[in-house]
Amino acid sequence: MNFKTISLSEDAYKILKKAKRSPRESFTEVVRRASWDEPAETMGEALDLLETEFGHGKTTVTDEELDTSRKLHAQRKVRA
């Protein structure tokens, strides 16, 4: 198996370490079971994501909520 060395900020390292299920679990295992946000492929998926972010049963989205959603999506793209 090949390995890569990466650098993490202290806060990111703490998050990764906290995500370990046991002291014997490797960081590789933690990363492999991580859930990564995938972009919506359909409008229905996009609406589901908005509902998840802003509450179930919403029938409208305010300009402020839409702006917040755009910022969150942009942050996810930068991290990818």
Protein backbone atom coordinates (compact mmCIF):
# COMPACT_ATOMS: atom_id res chain seq x y z
CA MET A 1 0.00 0.00 0.00
CA ASN A 2 1.25 3.49 -0.86
CA PHE A 3 1.12 6.33 1.62
CA LYS A 4 0.94 10.13 1.36
CA THR A 5 1.99 12.62 4.00
CA ILE A 6 -0.45 15.49 4.56
CA SER A 7 -0.51 18.55 6.78
CA LEU A 8 -3.53 19.53 8.84
CA SER A 9 -4.28 22.55 10.94
CA GLU A 10 -4.48 21.85 14.66
CA ASP A 11 -8.27 22.19 14.71
CA ALA A 12 -8.69 19.81 11.74
CA TYR A 13 -6.43 17.27 13.46
CA LYS A 14 -8.57 17.47 16.62
CA ILE A 15 -11.73 16.87 14.57
CA LEU A 16 -10.16 13.86 12.86
CA LYS A 17 -8.86 12.46 16.14
CA LYS A 18 -12.25 12.92 17.81
CA ALA A 19 -13.91 11.02 14.94
CA LYS A 20 -11.93 7.86 15.72
CA ARG A 21 -14.18 5.13 17.07
CA SER A 22 -11.37 3.51 19.04
CA PRO A 23 -7.72 4.19 19.80
CA ARG A 24 -6.82 1.40 17.37
CA GLU A 25 -8.74 2.87 14.42
CA SER A 26 -6.40 4.48 11.91
CA PHE A 27 -6.90 7.92 10.40
CA THR A 28 -7.15 6.17 7.03
CA GLU A 29 -10.19 4.27 8.30
CA VAL A 30 -11.75 7.47 9.66
CA VAL A 31 -11.33 9.23 6.30
CA ARG A 32 -12.66 6.24 4.35
CA ARG A 33 -15.91 6.20 6.33
CA ALA A 34 -16.35 9.97 6.16
CA SER A 35 -19.42 11.32 4.41
CA TRP A 36 -18.66 13.92 1.77
CA ASP A 37 -21.27 16.30 0.38
CA GLU A 38 -22.03 15.59 -3.26
CA PRO A 39 -23.53 18.28 -5.51
CA ALA A 40 -27.18 17.90 -6.39
CA GLU A 41 -27.77 16.46 -9.85
CA THR A 42 -31.45 17.37 -10.08
CA MET A 43 -33.64 20.20 -8.86
CA GLY A 44 -35.40 17.72 -6.57
CA GLU A 45 -32.08 16.88 -4.90
CA ALA A 46 -31.29 20.59 -4.57
CA LEU A 47 -34.63 21.20 -2.89
CA ASP A 48 -34.01 18.28 -0.53
CA LEU A 49 -30.64 19.81 0.42
CA LEU A 50 -32.26 23.19 1.07
CA GLU A 51 -34.91 21.55 3.22
CA THR A 52 -32.19 19.77 5.19
CA GLU A 53 -30.28 23.02 5.71
CA PHE A 54 -33.23 25.22 6.62
CA GLY A 55 -35.92 22.97 8.07
CA HIS A 56 -38.52 20.50 6.93
CA GLY A 57 -41.77 21.66 5.44
CA LYS A 58 -40.45 24.94 4.05
CA THR A 59 -42.27 26.05 0.95
CA THR A 60 -40.29 29.23 0.33
CA VAL A 61 -36.70 30.33 0.76
CA THR A 62 -35.79 33.90 1.64
CA ASP A 63 -33.07 35.79 -0.21
CA GLU A 64 -30.95 35.58 2.95
CA GLU A 65 -31.36 31.78 3.14
CA LEU A 66 -30.52 31.42 -0.54
CA ASP A 67 -27.40 33.56 -0.06
CA THR A 68 -26.39 31.43 2.95
CA SER A 69 -26.90 28.26 0.92
CA ARG A 70 -24.74 29.63 -1.91
CA LYS A 71 -21.97 30.49 0.57
CA LEU A 72 -22.13 27.00 2.13
CA HIS A 73 -21.96 25.41 -1.32
CA ALA A 74 -18.98 27.59 -2.27
CA GLN A 75 -17.17 26.58 0.93
CA ARG A 76 -17.78 22.89 0.15
CA LYS A 77 -16.36 23.36 -3.36
CA VAL A 78 -13.23 25.05 -1.98
CA ARG A 79 -12.64 22.16 0.46
CA ALA A 80 -12.99 19.56 -2.29
